[in-house]
Amino acid sequence: QVQLEESGGGLVQPGGSLRLSCVVSGSIFSIYSMGWYRQAPGKQRELVATRRTSSITNYADSVKGRFTISRDDAKNTVYLQMNSLKPEDTAVYYCNIVSFLGTSYWGQGTQVTVSS
């Protein structure tokens, strides 16, 4: 059974930084992409950043230049480095894995709150 475990969320002041981690465990067919999504209260879940096995990355316009997605295949871990955080970045952040078979897996989410 595939499990995704996120960590690294918390409370941070505007302008601060956080690094989210997502450890993937269990048997999974070849990974096509790993990514992060977020959902703020009253809003739909939205893409933050994705990284394909080919290293192609995709970022939401709202986070370009501030967030960086990376992965460590040896540790089965995907990271999201978040810099220059803004109050509008406040949301629950979810890790997502998509296999080459098209199966999508989600973590339980980690809360990020940006507030002074």
N, C-alpha and C. Protein backbone atom coordinates (compact mmCIF):
# COMPACT_ATOMS: atom_id res chain seq x y z
N GLN A 1 0.85 -1.18 0.00
CA GLN A 1 0.00 0.00 0.00
C GLN A 1 0.88 1.23 0.00
N VAL A 2 0.54 2.17 -0.87
CA VAL A 2 1.33 3.38 -0.99
C VAL A 2 0.90 4.39 0.08
N GLN A 3 1.88 4.99 0.72
CA GLN A 3 1.60 6.03 1.71
C GLN A 3 2.47 7.24 1.44
N LEU A 4 1.88 8.40 1.60
CA LEU A 4 2.60 9.66 1.47
C LEU A 4 2.48 10.39 2.80
N GLU A 5 3.60 10.76 3.36
CA GLU A 5 3.60 11.43 4.66
C GLU A 5 4.27 12.78 4.54
N GLU A 6 3.47 13.84 4.72
CA GLU A 6 3.99 15.20 4.64
C GLU A 6 4.45 15.67 6.02
N SER A 7 5.37 16.59 6.03
CA SER A 7 5.82 17.25 7.25
C SER A 7 6.41 18.60 6.88
N GLY A 8 6.62 19.41 7.92
CA GLY A 8 7.28 20.70 7.69
C GLY A 8 6.37 21.91 7.73
N GLY A 9 5.07 21.69 7.86
CA GLY A 9 4.17 22.83 7.94
C GLY A 9 4.26 23.52 9.28
N GLY A 10 3.58 24.65 9.40
CA GLY A 10 3.59 25.37 10.66
C GLY A 10 3.19 26.81 10.49
N LEU A 11 3.46 27.59 11.52
CA LEU A 11 3.15 29.01 11.53
C LEU A 11 4.43 29.79 11.25
N VAL A 12 4.34 30.72 10.32
CA VAL A 12 5.51 31.52 9.95
C VAL A 12 5.05 32.95 9.67
N GLN A 13 5.93 33.89 9.93
CA GLN A 13 5.61 35.30 9.66
C GLN A 13 5.74 35.61 8.18
N PRO A 14 5.03 36.61 7.71
CA PRO A 14 5.20 37.02 6.31
C PRO A 14 6.66 37.32 6.00
N GLY A 15 7.10 36.85 4.84
CA GLY A 15 8.50 37.00 4.46
C GLY A 15 9.37 35.84 4.88
N GLY A 16 8.84 34.96 5.70
CA GLY A 16 9.60 33.82 6.20
C GLY A 16 9.65 32.66 5.22
N SER A 17 10.28 31.58 5.67
CA SER A 17 10.45 30.40 4.82
C SER A 17 10.05 29.13 5.56
N LEU A 18 9.65 28.16 4.78
CA LEU A 18 9.37 26.81 5.28
C LEU A 18 9.78 25.82 4.20
N ARG A 19 10.13 24.62 4.63
CA ARG A 19 10.39 23.55 3.66
C ARG A 19 9.49 22.37 4.01
N LEU A 20 8.65 22.00 3.07
CA LEU A 20 7.79 20.84 3.23
C LEU A 20 8.48 19.61 2.67
N SER A 21 8.23 18.48 3.31
CA SER A 21 8.77 17.21 2.86
C SER A 21 7.64 16.21 2.70
N CYS A 22 7.80 15.32 1.76
CA CYS A 22 6.82 14.26 1.53
C CYS A 22 7.58 12.97 1.26
N VAL A 23 7.45 12.03 2.18
CA VAL A 23 8.11 10.74 2.03
C VAL A 23 7.12 9.73 1.47
N VAL A 24 7.54 9.06 0.40
CA VAL A 24 6.69 8.07 -0.26
C VAL A 24 7.14 6.68 0.15
N SER A 25 6.22 5.88 0.63
CA SER A 25 6.55 4.51 1.01
C SER A 25 5.55 3.55 0.37
N GLY A 26 5.99 2.28 0.28
CA GLY A 26 5.12 1.29 -0.32
C GLY A 26 5.47 1.02 -1.77
N SER A 27 4.79 0.08 -2.34
CA SER A 27 5.06 -0.35 -3.71
C SER A 27 4.29 0.53 -4.69
N ILE A 28 5.00 1.14 -5.59
CA ILE A 28 4.35 2.00 -6.57
C ILE A 28 5.01 1.80 -7.92
N PHE A 29 4.19 1.72 -8.95
CA PHE A 29 4.71 1.62 -10.30
C PHE A 29 5.46 2.90 -10.59
N SER A 30 6.29 2.88 -11.56
CA SER A 30 7.15 4.01 -11.88
C SER A 30 6.41 5.34 -11.75
N ILE A 31 7.05 6.25 -11.06
CA ILE A 31 6.46 7.56 -10.81
C ILE A 31 6.60 8.46 -12.03
N TYR A 32 5.48 9.04 -12.46
CA TYR A 32 5.49 9.97 -13.58
C TYR A 32 5.73 11.40 -13.08
N SER A 33 5.07 11.74 -12.00
CA SER A 33 5.26 13.09 -11.47
C SER A 33 5.02 13.11 -9.97
N MET A 34 5.65 14.07 -9.33
CA MET A 34 5.45 14.32 -7.90
C MET A 34 5.13 15.80 -7.78
N GLY A 35 4.25 16.11 -6.86
CA GLY A 35 3.89 17.52 -6.80
C GLY A 35 3.23 17.92 -5.49
N TRP A 36 2.96 19.20 -5.42
CA TRP A 36 2.30 19.79 -4.26
C TRP A 36 1.08 20.59 -4.71
N TYR A 37 0.02 20.44 -3.96
CA TYR A 37 -1.20 21.20 -4.17
C TYR A 37 -1.56 21.85 -2.84
N ARG A 38 -2.46 22.82 -2.88
CA ARG A 38 -2.90 23.44 -1.63
C ARG A 38 -4.38 23.78 -1.71
N GLN A 39 -4.98 23.87 -0.53
CA GLN A 39 -6.38 24.22 -0.45
C GLN A 39 -6.59 25.16 0.73
N ALA A 40 -7.02 26.36 0.41
CA ALA A 40 -7.33 27.35 1.44
C ALA A 40 -8.80 27.22 1.82
N PRO A 41 -9.18 27.69 3.00
CA PRO A 41 -10.58 27.59 3.44
C PRO A 41 -11.53 28.23 2.42
N GLY A 42 -12.56 27.49 2.05
CA GLY A 42 -13.55 28.01 1.12
C GLY A 42 -13.13 28.03 -0.33
N LYS A 43 -11.95 27.49 -0.62
CA LYS A 43 -11.45 27.50 -2.00
C LYS A 43 -11.19 26.09 -2.48
N GLN A 44 -11.09 25.95 -3.81
CA GLN A 44 -10.78 24.65 -4.37
C GLN A 44 -9.30 24.35 -4.25
N ARG A 45 -8.99 23.07 -4.28
CA ARG A 45 -7.60 22.66 -4.26
C ARG A 45 -6.93 23.13 -5.56
N GLU A 46 -5.72 23.66 -5.43
CA GLU A 46 -5.03 24.18 -6.61
C GLU A 46 -3.60 23.66 -6.67
N LEU A 47 -3.10 23.61 -7.89
CA LEU A 47 -1.73 23.17 -8.10
C LEU A 47 -0.76 24.24 -7.60
N VAL A 48 0.28 23.79 -6.92
CA VAL A 48 1.36 24.69 -6.49
C VAL A 48 2.58 24.45 -7.37
N ALA A 49 3.02 23.19 -7.42
CA ALA A 49 4.20 22.86 -8.21
C ALA A 49 4.23 21.37 -8.49
N THR A 50 4.72 21.01 -9.66
CA THR A 50 4.91 19.59 -9.98
C THR A 50 6.27 19.41 -10.63
N ARG A 51 6.77 18.20 -10.50
CA ARG A 51 8.06 17.87 -11.11
C ARG A 51 7.93 16.47 -11.71
N ARG A 52 8.16 16.37 -13.00
CA ARG A 52 8.09 15.08 -13.66
C ARG A 52 9.41 14.33 -13.52
N THR A 53 9.37 13.06 -13.81
CA THR A 53 10.59 12.25 -13.77
C THR A 53 11.64 12.81 -14.72
N SER A 54 11.18 13.44 -15.79
CA SER A 54 12.09 14.05 -16.76
C SER A 54 12.69 15.35 -16.26
N SER A 55 12.35 15.74 -15.03
CA SER A 55 12.82 16.97 -14.40
C SER A 55 12.09 18.23 -14.87
N ILE A 56 11.09 18.07 -15.71
CA ILE A 56 10.29 19.23 -16.11
C ILE A 56 9.46 19.67 -14.91
N THR A 57 9.53 20.95 -14.61
CA THR A 57 8.77 21.48 -13.47
C THR A 57 7.69 22.45 -13.96
N ASN A 58 6.69 22.58 -13.12
CA ASN A 58 5.57 23.48 -13.44
C ASN A 58 5.15 24.15 -12.14
N TYR A 59 5.02 25.46 -12.18
CA TYR A 59 4.65 26.21 -10.98
C TYR A 59 3.42 27.08 -11.24
N ALA A 60 2.63 27.25 -10.21
CA ALA A 60 1.55 28.22 -10.28
C ALA A 60 2.17 29.61 -10.39
N ASP A 61 1.52 30.49 -11.14
CA ASP A 61 2.06 31.84 -11.32
C ASP A 61 2.27 32.54 -9.99
N SER A 62 1.41 32.26 -9.03
CA SER A 62 1.45 32.96 -7.75
C SER A 62 2.66 32.60 -6.91
N VAL A 63 3.35 31.50 -7.25
CA VAL A 63 4.50 31.08 -6.44
C VAL A 63 5.82 31.10 -7.20
N LYS A 64 5.76 31.40 -8.49
CA LYS A 64 6.99 31.41 -9.30
C LYS A 64 8.00 32.40 -8.72
N GLY A 65 9.24 31.94 -8.62
CA GLY A 65 10.30 32.77 -8.07
C GLY A 65 10.40 32.71 -6.56
N ARG A 66 9.41 32.12 -5.91
CA ARG A 66 9.43 32.03 -4.44
C ARG A 66 9.51 30.59 -3.95
N PHE A 67 8.87 29.68 -4.67
CA PHE A 67 8.83 28.27 -4.27
C PHE A 67 9.70 27.44 -5.22
N THR A 68 10.29 26.38 -4.67
CA THR A 68 11.08 25.47 -5.48
C THR A 68 10.75 24.02 -5.10
N ILE A 69 10.42 23.23 -6.10
CA ILE A 69 10.16 21.81 -5.87
C ILE A 69 11.39 21.01 -6.24
N SER A 70 11.69 20.01 -5.43
CA SER A 70 12.82 19.15 -5.71
C SER A 70 12.50 17.75 -5.21
N ARG A 71 13.29 16.79 -5.65
CA ARG A 71 13.06 15.41 -5.20
C ARG A 71 14.38 14.71 -4.98
N ASP A 72 14.37 13.80 -4.03
CA ASP A 72 15.53 12.97 -3.73
C ASP A 72 15.06 11.53 -3.92
N ASP A 73 15.41 10.95 -5.07
CA ASP A 73 14.94 9.60 -5.39
C ASP A 73 15.50 8.57 -4.43
N ALA A 74 16.68 8.78 -3.95
CA ALA A 74 17.30 7.82 -3.02
C ALA A 74 16.50 7.75 -1.72
N LYS A 75 15.85 8.85 -1.36
CA LYS A 75 15.07 8.90 -0.12
C LYS A 75 13.58 8.82 -0.38
N ASN A 76 13.20 8.67 -1.66
CA ASN A 76 11.77 8.66 -2.02
C ASN A 76 11.04 9.85 -1.42
N THR A 77 11.65 11.00 -1.55
CA THR A 77 11.13 12.20 -0.91
C THR A 77 11.04 13.35 -1.91
N VAL A 78 9.96 14.10 -1.81
CA VAL A 78 9.82 15.32 -2.59
C VAL A 78 9.71 16.49 -1.62
N TYR A 79 10.33 17.59 -1.99
CA TYR A 79 10.40 18.76 -1.12
C TYR A 79 9.72 19.96 -1.80
N LEU A 80 9.28 20.87 -0.97
CA LEU A 80 8.82 22.17 -1.46
C LEU A 80 9.44 23.24 -0.58
N GLN A 81 10.42 23.94 -1.13
CA GLN A 81 11.03 25.06 -0.42
C GLN A 81 10.21 26.30 -0.70
N MET A 82 9.72 26.92 0.35
CA MET A 82 8.86 28.09 0.22
C MET A 82 9.53 29.29 0.86
N ASN A 83 9.84 30.28 0.07
CA ASN A 83 10.48 31.51 0.54
C ASN A 83 9.55 32.70 0.34
N SER A 84 9.85 33.78 1.03
CA SER A 84 9.06 35.02 0.89
C SER A 84 7.57 34.74 1.02
N LEU A 85 7.23 34.01 2.04
CA LEU A 85 5.84 33.60 2.22
C LEU A 85 4.92 34.79 2.47
N LYS A 86 3.71 34.67 1.95
CA LYS A 86 2.70 35.72 2.07
C LYS A 86 1.47 35.15 2.79
N PRO A 87 0.67 36.01 3.40
CA PRO A 87 -0.55 35.52 4.06
C PRO A 87 -1.44 34.71 3.11
N GLU A 88 -1.45 35.05 1.84
CA GLU A 88 -2.29 34.32 0.89
C GLU A 88 -1.77 32.93 0.56
N ASP A 89 -0.59 32.60 1.07
CA ASP A 89 -0.07 31.23 0.93
C ASP A 89 -0.63 30.30 2.00
N THR A 90 -1.37 30.85 2.94
CA THR A 90 -1.96 30.05 4.00
C THR A 90 -2.93 29.03 3.42
N ALA A 91 -2.71 27.77 3.74
CA ALA A 91 -3.53 26.69 3.20
C ALA A 91 -3.06 25.37 3.77
N VAL A 92 -3.82 24.33 3.49
CA VAL A 92 -3.35 22.97 3.74
C VAL A 92 -2.65 22.52 2.46
N TYR A 93 -1.43 22.06 2.60
CA TYR A 93 -0.62 21.63 1.47
C TYR A 93 -0.62 20.11 1.38
N TYR A 94 -0.88 19.61 0.18
CA TYR A 94 -0.98 18.18 -0.06
C TYR A 94 0.09 17.73 -1.05
N CYS A 95 0.68 16.61 -0.73
CA CYS A 95 1.62 15.96 -1.62
C CYS A 95 0.85 15.04 -2.56
N ASN A 96 1.29 14.97 -3.81
CA ASN A 96 0.62 14.13 -4.81
C ASN A 96 1.64 13.38 -5.64
N ILE A 97 1.35 12.11 -5.90
CA ILE A 97 2.18 11.28 -6.76
C ILE A 97 1.29 10.70 -7.85
N VAL A 98 1.78 10.75 -9.08
CA VAL A 98 1.06 10.13 -10.19
C VAL A 98 1.99 9.11 -10.84
N SER A 99 1.51 7.89 -10.98
CA SER A 99 2.32 6.85 -11.60
C SER A 99 2.13 6.87 -13.12
N PHE A 100 2.97 6.13 -13.82
CA PHE A 100 2.85 6.04 -15.28
C PHE A 100 1.58 5.30 -15.70
N LEU A 101 0.97 4.61 -14.75
CA LEU A 101 -0.31 3.96 -15.03
C LEU A 101 -1.47 4.93 -14.85
N GLY A 102 -1.15 6.12 -14.36
CA GLY A 102 -2.18 7.13 -14.17
C GLY A 102 -2.82 7.14 -12.80
N THR A 103 -2.31 6.30 -11.92
CA THR A 103 -2.86 6.26 -10.56
C THR A 103 -2.33 7.46 -9.77
N SER A 104 -3.23 8.12 -9.04
CA SER A 104 -2.88 9.30 -8.26
C SER A 104 -2.98 8.99 -6.77
N TYR A 105 -1.98 9.40 -6.05
CA TYR A 105 -1.94 9.18 -4.60
C TYR A 105 -1.81 10.53 -3.89
N TRP A 106 -2.46 10.64 -2.73
CA TRP A 106 -2.45 11.89 -1.97
C TRP A 106 -2.01 11.65 -0.53
N GLY A 107 -1.32 12.64 0.02
CA GLY A 107 -1.01 12.62 1.43
C GLY A 107 -2.17 13.20 2.22
N GLN A 108 -1.99 13.26 3.54
CA GLN A 108 -3.07 13.71 4.42
C GLN A 108 -3.10 15.22 4.56
N GLY A 109 -2.03 15.88 4.12
CA GLY A 109 -1.97 17.33 4.17
C GLY A 109 -1.24 17.85 5.38
N THR A 110 -0.63 19.02 5.20
CA THR A 110 0.05 19.70 6.30
C THR A 110 -0.32 21.18 6.25
N GLN A 111 -0.65 21.73 7.41
CA GLN A 111 -1.13 23.11 7.48
C GLN A 111 0.04 24.10 7.44
N VAL A 112 -0.09 25.09 6.58
CA VAL A 112 0.85 26.20 6.52
C VAL A 112 0.06 27.48 6.80
N THR A 113 0.49 28.21 7.83
CA THR A 113 -0.17 29.45 8.19
C THR A 113 0.85 30.58 8.17
N VAL A 114 0.56 31.60 7.38
CA VAL A 114 1.45 32.76 7.29
C VAL A 114 0.74 33.94 7.92
N SER A 115 1.25 34.36 9.06
CA SER A 115 0.59 35.42 9.80
C SER A 115 1.56 36.09 10.75
N SER A 116 1.34 37.37 10.98
CA SER A 116 2.16 38.09 11.95
C SER A 116 1.49 38.09 13.31
